[in-house]
Amino acid sequence: MILINVFGLLLIALIIWWFWLYKPGEGSVGEGNIVITVENGIYQPSRLKVSAGQPTTLTFLRKDASPCAATVIFPDSELSEELPLNKAKAIVLPPMPPGEHPFTCQMQMYRGTLVVN
């Protein structure tokens, strides 16, 4: 009985960490070409800093065979792109206004943010 309670507490701690405490990697596109890896249910890095008022090119490398990972959507730009498995795909985004702009998979399980300065 004690073992079950300990396992339950560990599982609760893992869930709290994953959904509320985990801080994903951050990158900056202005410093050169950055590759966003789509793997294990996350975009890595998932928080990207980009410059306002100029087009941005993001390169995605999908390693996850999940159908959810097959598409990336930029709702603020009304842009949707298919990501091939194990191949890099460059996506050119139009100039964006300053602020935070999300990008997700079609089911919104994979999540990322473009921070435009």
N, C-alpha and C. Protein backbone atom coordinates (compact mmCIF):
# COMPACT_ATOMS: atom_id res chain seq x y z
N MET A 1 0.82 -1.19 0.00
CA MET A 1 0.00 0.00 0.00
C MET A 1 0.87 1.26 0.00
N ILE A 2 1.94 1.25 0.77
CA ILE A 2 2.84 2.41 0.81
C ILE A 2 3.49 2.62 -0.54
N LEU A 3 3.86 1.54 -1.21
CA LEU A 3 4.49 1.63 -2.52
C LEU A 3 3.54 2.29 -3.54
N ILE A 4 2.27 1.95 -3.48
CA ILE A 4 1.29 2.54 -4.39
C ILE A 4 1.16 4.04 -4.12
N ASN A 5 1.13 4.43 -2.86
CA ASN A 5 1.03 5.86 -2.51
C ASN A 5 2.27 6.63 -2.97
N VAL A 6 3.45 6.07 -2.79
CA VAL A 6 4.68 6.73 -3.23
C VAL A 6 4.68 6.87 -4.74
N PHE A 7 4.28 5.82 -5.45
CA PHE A 7 4.20 5.88 -6.91
C PHE A 7 3.21 6.95 -7.35
N GLY A 8 2.06 7.02 -6.69
CA GLY A 8 1.06 8.04 -7.01
C GLY A 8 1.58 9.45 -6.81
N LEU A 9 2.30 9.68 -5.71
CA LEU A 9 2.88 11.00 -5.45
C LEU A 9 3.93 11.36 -6.48
N LEU A 10 4.76 10.40 -6.87
CA LEU A 10 5.76 10.65 -7.91
C LEU A 10 5.09 10.99 -9.25
N LEU A 11 4.03 10.30 -9.57
CA LEU A 11 3.31 10.56 -10.80
C LEU A 11 2.68 11.96 -10.78
N ILE A 12 2.11 12.35 -9.65
CA ILE A 12 1.55 13.70 -9.52
C ILE A 12 2.64 14.75 -9.67
N ALA A 13 3.80 14.52 -9.05
CA ALA A 13 4.92 15.47 -9.15
C ALA A 13 5.39 15.59 -10.60
N LEU A 14 5.45 14.48 -11.32
CA LEU A 14 5.85 14.50 -12.73
C LEU A 14 4.86 15.30 -13.57
N ILE A 15 3.59 15.11 -13.33
CA ILE A 15 2.56 15.84 -14.08
C ILE A 15 2.66 17.33 -13.80
N ILE A 16 2.83 17.71 -12.54
CA ILE A 16 2.97 19.13 -12.18
C ILE A 16 4.19 19.73 -12.86
N TRP A 17 5.30 19.01 -12.84
CA TRP A 17 6.52 19.51 -13.47
C TRP A 17 6.31 19.68 -14.97
N TRP A 18 5.75 18.70 -15.64
CA TRP A 18 5.60 18.73 -17.10
C TRP A 18 4.68 19.84 -17.58
N PHE A 19 3.56 20.03 -16.89
CA PHE A 19 2.57 20.99 -17.38
C PHE A 19 2.74 22.40 -16.84
N TRP A 20 3.36 22.58 -15.66
CA TRP A 20 3.43 23.92 -15.08
C TRP A 20 4.83 24.43 -14.78
N LEU A 21 5.78 23.55 -14.55
CA LEU A 21 7.10 24.01 -14.14
C LEU A 21 8.17 23.89 -15.22
N TYR A 22 7.97 23.05 -16.22
CA TYR A 22 8.96 22.84 -17.27
C TYR A 22 9.13 24.10 -18.10
N LYS A 23 10.36 24.55 -18.27
CA LYS A 23 10.67 25.72 -19.10
C LYS A 23 11.44 25.24 -20.33
N PRO A 24 10.84 25.34 -21.52
CA PRO A 24 11.50 24.84 -22.73
C PRO A 24 12.69 25.71 -23.11
N GLY A 25 13.52 25.16 -23.98
CA GLY A 25 14.69 25.87 -24.47
C GLY A 25 14.30 27.11 -25.27
N GLU A 26 15.22 28.07 -25.30
CA GLU A 26 14.97 29.33 -25.99
C GLU A 26 16.07 29.55 -27.01
N GLY A 27 15.73 30.13 -28.14
CA GLY A 27 16.71 30.43 -29.17
C GLY A 27 16.43 31.77 -29.80
N SER A 28 17.41 32.24 -30.56
CA SER A 28 17.27 33.52 -31.24
C SER A 28 17.56 33.32 -32.72
N VAL A 29 16.64 33.69 -33.57
CA VAL A 29 16.79 33.48 -35.01
C VAL A 29 17.74 34.50 -35.61
N GLY A 30 17.85 35.69 -35.03
CA GLY A 30 18.70 36.74 -35.57
C GLY A 30 20.18 36.41 -35.56
N GLU A 31 20.57 35.41 -34.77
CA GLU A 31 21.98 35.04 -34.66
C GLU A 31 22.40 34.01 -35.70
N GLY A 32 21.57 33.75 -36.68
CA GLY A 32 21.90 32.76 -37.70
C GLY A 32 20.74 31.79 -37.85
N ASN A 33 20.94 30.79 -38.66
CA ASN A 33 19.88 29.82 -38.89
C ASN A 33 19.74 28.90 -37.69
N ILE A 34 18.52 28.75 -37.21
CA ILE A 34 18.28 27.87 -36.07
C ILE A 34 17.36 26.75 -36.52
N VAL A 35 17.64 25.53 -36.07
CA VAL A 35 16.83 24.37 -36.42
C VAL A 35 15.95 24.02 -35.23
N ILE A 36 14.66 23.93 -35.48
CA ILE A 36 13.69 23.56 -34.45
C ILE A 36 13.40 22.08 -34.63
N THR A 37 13.74 21.29 -33.64
CA THR A 37 13.53 19.85 -33.70
C THR A 37 12.15 19.52 -33.15
N VAL A 38 11.40 18.71 -33.90
CA VAL A 38 10.07 18.27 -33.49
C VAL A 38 10.23 16.82 -33.04
N GLU A 39 10.22 16.62 -31.71
CA GLU A 39 10.51 15.28 -31.19
C GLU A 39 9.96 15.15 -29.77
N ASN A 40 9.48 13.96 -29.45
CA ASN A 40 9.02 13.63 -28.09
C ASN A 40 7.94 14.59 -27.58
N GLY A 41 7.07 15.05 -28.45
CA GLY A 41 5.95 15.87 -28.04
C GLY A 41 6.25 17.34 -27.83
N ILE A 42 7.44 17.81 -28.24
CA ILE A 42 7.79 19.22 -28.05
C ILE A 42 8.54 19.76 -29.26
N TYR A 43 8.53 21.08 -29.38
CA TYR A 43 9.42 21.78 -30.30
C TYR A 43 10.63 22.19 -29.46
N GLN A 44 11.83 21.94 -29.98
CA GLN A 44 13.05 22.29 -29.23
C GLN A 44 13.98 23.09 -30.11
N PRO A 45 14.25 24.34 -29.88
CA PRO A 45 13.67 25.18 -28.84
C PRO A 45 12.24 25.57 -29.20
N SER A 46 11.45 25.87 -28.18
CA SER A 46 10.05 26.20 -28.44
C SER A 46 9.74 27.68 -28.23
N ARG A 47 10.71 28.43 -27.77
CA ARG A 47 10.54 29.87 -27.60
C ARG A 47 11.66 30.55 -28.38
N LEU A 48 11.26 31.29 -29.43
CA LEU A 48 12.24 31.88 -30.34
C LEU A 48 12.10 33.39 -30.38
N LYS A 49 13.22 34.08 -30.33
CA LYS A 49 13.23 35.53 -30.45
C LYS A 49 13.55 35.90 -31.89
N VAL A 50 12.70 36.74 -32.49
CA VAL A 50 12.90 37.18 -33.87
C VAL A 50 12.74 38.70 -33.94
N SER A 51 13.25 39.30 -35.00
CA SER A 51 13.16 40.75 -35.18
C SER A 51 11.85 41.12 -35.84
N ALA A 52 11.29 42.25 -35.41
CA ALA A 52 10.02 42.74 -35.96
C ALA A 52 10.25 43.39 -37.32
N GLY A 53 9.24 43.34 -38.16
CA GLY A 53 9.25 44.08 -39.41
C GLY A 53 10.06 43.47 -40.54
N GLN A 54 10.56 42.26 -40.37
CA GLN A 54 11.30 41.63 -41.47
C GLN A 54 10.94 40.15 -41.55
N PRO A 55 11.00 39.57 -42.75
CA PRO A 55 10.67 38.15 -42.90
C PRO A 55 11.63 37.29 -42.08
N THR A 56 11.13 36.16 -41.62
CA THR A 56 11.92 35.25 -40.79
C THR A 56 11.87 33.86 -41.40
N THR A 57 13.00 33.18 -41.46
CA THR A 57 13.04 31.80 -41.94
C THR A 57 13.32 30.89 -40.76
N LEU A 58 12.42 29.93 -40.55
CA LEU A 58 12.60 28.92 -39.51
C LEU A 58 12.78 27.57 -40.19
N THR A 59 13.71 26.77 -39.68
CA THR A 59 13.94 25.44 -40.24
C THR A 59 13.47 24.41 -39.21
N PHE A 60 12.55 23.56 -39.62
CA PHE A 60 12.01 22.52 -38.76
C PHE A 60 12.57 21.16 -39.18
N LEU A 61 12.94 20.34 -38.20
CA LEU A 61 13.38 18.96 -38.44
C LEU A 61 12.48 18.05 -37.63
N ARG A 62 11.59 17.36 -38.30
CA ARG A 62 10.62 16.48 -37.63
C ARG A 62 11.22 15.10 -37.46
N LYS A 63 11.39 14.67 -36.21
CA LYS A 63 11.90 13.33 -35.90
C LYS A 63 10.81 12.44 -35.31
N ASP A 64 9.66 13.02 -35.03
CA ASP A 64 8.55 12.31 -34.41
C ASP A 64 7.60 11.83 -35.50
N ALA A 65 7.33 10.52 -35.55
CA ALA A 65 6.47 9.96 -36.58
C ALA A 65 4.98 10.17 -36.30
N SER A 66 4.65 10.75 -35.18
CA SER A 66 3.26 10.99 -34.81
C SER A 66 2.57 11.86 -35.87
N PRO A 67 1.34 11.52 -36.25
CA PRO A 67 0.61 12.33 -37.23
C PRO A 67 0.41 13.78 -36.75
N CYS A 68 0.35 13.98 -35.45
CA CYS A 68 0.17 15.33 -34.91
C CYS A 68 1.37 16.21 -35.24
N ALA A 69 2.55 15.63 -35.30
CA ALA A 69 3.77 16.39 -35.57
C ALA A 69 3.94 16.74 -37.05
N ALA A 70 3.06 16.24 -37.89
CA ALA A 70 3.22 16.40 -39.33
C ALA A 70 2.92 17.81 -39.85
N THR A 71 2.25 18.62 -39.05
CA THR A 71 1.87 19.96 -39.50
C THR A 71 2.23 20.98 -38.45
N VAL A 72 2.73 22.13 -38.88
CA VAL A 72 2.96 23.26 -37.98
C VAL A 72 2.08 24.41 -38.47
N ILE A 73 1.41 25.06 -37.51
CA ILE A 73 0.47 26.13 -37.83
C ILE A 73 0.89 27.41 -37.12
N PHE A 74 0.91 28.49 -37.89
CA PHE A 74 1.17 29.83 -37.35
C PHE A 74 -0.14 30.61 -37.50
N PRO A 75 -1.02 30.57 -36.48
CA PRO A 75 -2.35 31.16 -36.64
C PRO A 75 -2.35 32.67 -36.88
N ASP A 76 -1.40 33.40 -36.30
CA ASP A 76 -1.37 34.85 -36.49
C ASP A 76 -1.02 35.23 -37.93
N SER A 77 -0.31 34.35 -38.62
CA SER A 77 0.06 34.60 -40.02
C SER A 77 -0.83 33.84 -40.99
N GLU A 78 -1.78 33.07 -40.45
CA GLU A 78 -2.65 32.22 -41.26
C GLU A 78 -1.83 31.32 -42.18
N LEU A 79 -0.80 30.69 -41.60
CA LEU A 79 0.12 29.85 -42.36
C LEU A 79 0.13 28.45 -41.77
N SER A 80 0.07 27.44 -42.62
CA SER A 80 0.12 26.05 -42.22
C SER A 80 1.06 25.31 -43.16
N GLU A 81 1.99 24.54 -42.61
CA GLU A 81 2.97 23.82 -43.43
C GLU A 81 3.09 22.37 -42.99
N GLU A 82 3.23 21.48 -43.96
CA GLU A 82 3.48 20.07 -43.68
C GLU A 82 4.98 19.88 -43.43
N LEU A 83 5.32 19.06 -42.43
CA LEU A 83 6.72 18.78 -42.11
C LEU A 83 7.05 17.34 -42.48
N PRO A 84 7.97 17.13 -43.40
CA PRO A 84 8.35 15.76 -43.77
C PRO A 84 9.14 15.10 -42.63
N LEU A 85 9.03 13.79 -42.52
CA LEU A 85 9.73 13.04 -41.48
C LEU A 85 11.22 12.95 -41.80
N ASN A 86 12.05 13.28 -40.84
CA ASN A 86 13.52 13.19 -40.90
C ASN A 86 14.14 14.02 -42.02
N LYS A 87 13.48 15.10 -42.41
CA LYS A 87 14.03 16.02 -43.41
C LYS A 87 13.81 17.45 -42.92
N ALA A 88 14.81 18.29 -43.12
CA ALA A 88 14.68 19.70 -42.72
C ALA A 88 13.75 20.42 -43.70
N LYS A 89 12.91 21.28 -43.15
CA LYS A 89 12.00 22.08 -43.98
C LYS A 89 12.09 23.53 -43.53
N ALA A 90 12.46 24.40 -44.46
CA ALA A 90 12.55 25.83 -44.18
C ALA A 90 11.19 26.47 -44.43
N ILE A 91 10.75 27.28 -43.49
CA ILE A 91 9.47 27.98 -43.59
C ILE A 91 9.75 29.47 -43.47
N VAL A 92 9.31 30.24 -44.46
CA VAL A 92 9.51 31.68 -44.45
C VAL A 92 8.24 32.34 -43.92
N LEU A 93 8.41 33.09 -42.85
CA LEU A 93 7.28 33.81 -42.24
C LEU A 93 7.31 35.26 -42.69
N PRO A 94 6.15 35.86 -42.91
CA PRO A 94 6.11 37.27 -43.28
C PRO A 94 6.51 38.15 -42.10
N PRO A 95 6.79 39.43 -42.33
CA PRO A 95 7.10 40.32 -41.21
C PRO A 95 5.95 40.32 -40.20
N MET A 96 6.31 40.29 -38.93
CA MET A 96 5.30 40.22 -37.87
C MET A 96 5.42 41.42 -36.94
N PRO A 97 4.31 41.86 -36.38
CA PRO A 97 4.37 42.98 -35.43
C PRO A 97 4.96 42.51 -34.10
N PRO A 98 5.48 43.42 -33.29
CA PRO A 98 6.02 43.04 -31.98
C PRO A 98 4.97 42.35 -31.12
N GLY A 99 5.44 41.42 -30.31
CA GLY A 99 4.55 40.67 -29.42
C GLY A 99 4.90 39.20 -29.43
N GLU A 100 4.06 38.40 -28.79
CA GLU A 100 4.25 36.96 -28.76
C GLU A 100 3.24 36.31 -29.70
N HIS A 101 3.75 35.46 -30.58
CA HIS A 101 2.92 34.80 -31.58
C HIS A 101 3.10 33.28 -31.44
N PRO A 102 2.02 32.54 -31.16
CA PRO A 102 2.15 31.09 -30.97
C PRO A 102 2.29 30.34 -32.29
N PHE A 103 2.88 29.15 -32.21
CA PHE A 103 2.82 28.18 -33.30
C PHE A 103 2.59 26.82 -32.68
N THR A 104 1.79 25.99 -33.35
CA THR A 104 1.37 24.71 -32.78
C THR A 104 1.23 23.66 -33.87
N CYS A 105 0.98 22.42 -33.44
CA CYS A 105 0.55 21.39 -34.37
C CYS A 105 -0.96 21.56 -34.56
N GLN A 106 -1.57 20.76 -35.42
CA GLN A 106 -3.00 20.95 -35.70
C GLN A 106 -3.87 20.62 -34.50
N MET A 107 -3.39 19.81 -33.56
CA MET A 107 -4.18 19.48 -32.36
C MET A 107 -3.76 20.33 -31.16
N GLN A 108 -2.81 21.22 -31.35
CA GLN A 108 -2.29 22.12 -30.32
C GLN A 108 -1.65 21.38 -29.15
N MET A 109 -1.09 20.21 -29.42
CA MET A 109 -0.35 19.47 -28.39
C MET A 109 1.10 19.92 -28.38
N TYR A 110 1.69 20.14 -29.54
CA TYR A 110 3.03 20.71 -29.65
C TYR A 110 2.83 22.22 -29.66
N ARG A 111 3.58 22.94 -28.81
CA ARG A 111 3.39 24.39 -28.71
C ARG A 111 4.72 25.12 -28.72
N GLY A 112 4.72 26.25 -29.39
CA GLY A 112 5.89 27.10 -29.41
C GLY A 112 5.45 28.56 -29.47
N THR A 113 6.41 29.46 -29.23
CA THR A 113 6.11 30.89 -29.24
C THR A 113 7.21 31.64 -29.96
N LEU A 114 6.82 32.56 -30.84
CA LEU A 114 7.75 33.49 -31.46
C LEU A 114 7.63 34.80 -30.68
N VAL A 115 8.74 35.24 -30.12
CA VAL A 115 8.78 36.52 -29.42
C VAL A 115 9.38 37.53 -30.38
N VAL A 116 8.55 38.44 -30.86
CA VAL A 116 8.97 39.41 -31.88
C VAL A 116 9.29 40.74 -31.18
N ASN A 117 10.55 41.19 -31.33
CA ASN A 117 10.99 42.47 -30.73
C ASN A 117 11.29 43.47 -31.82
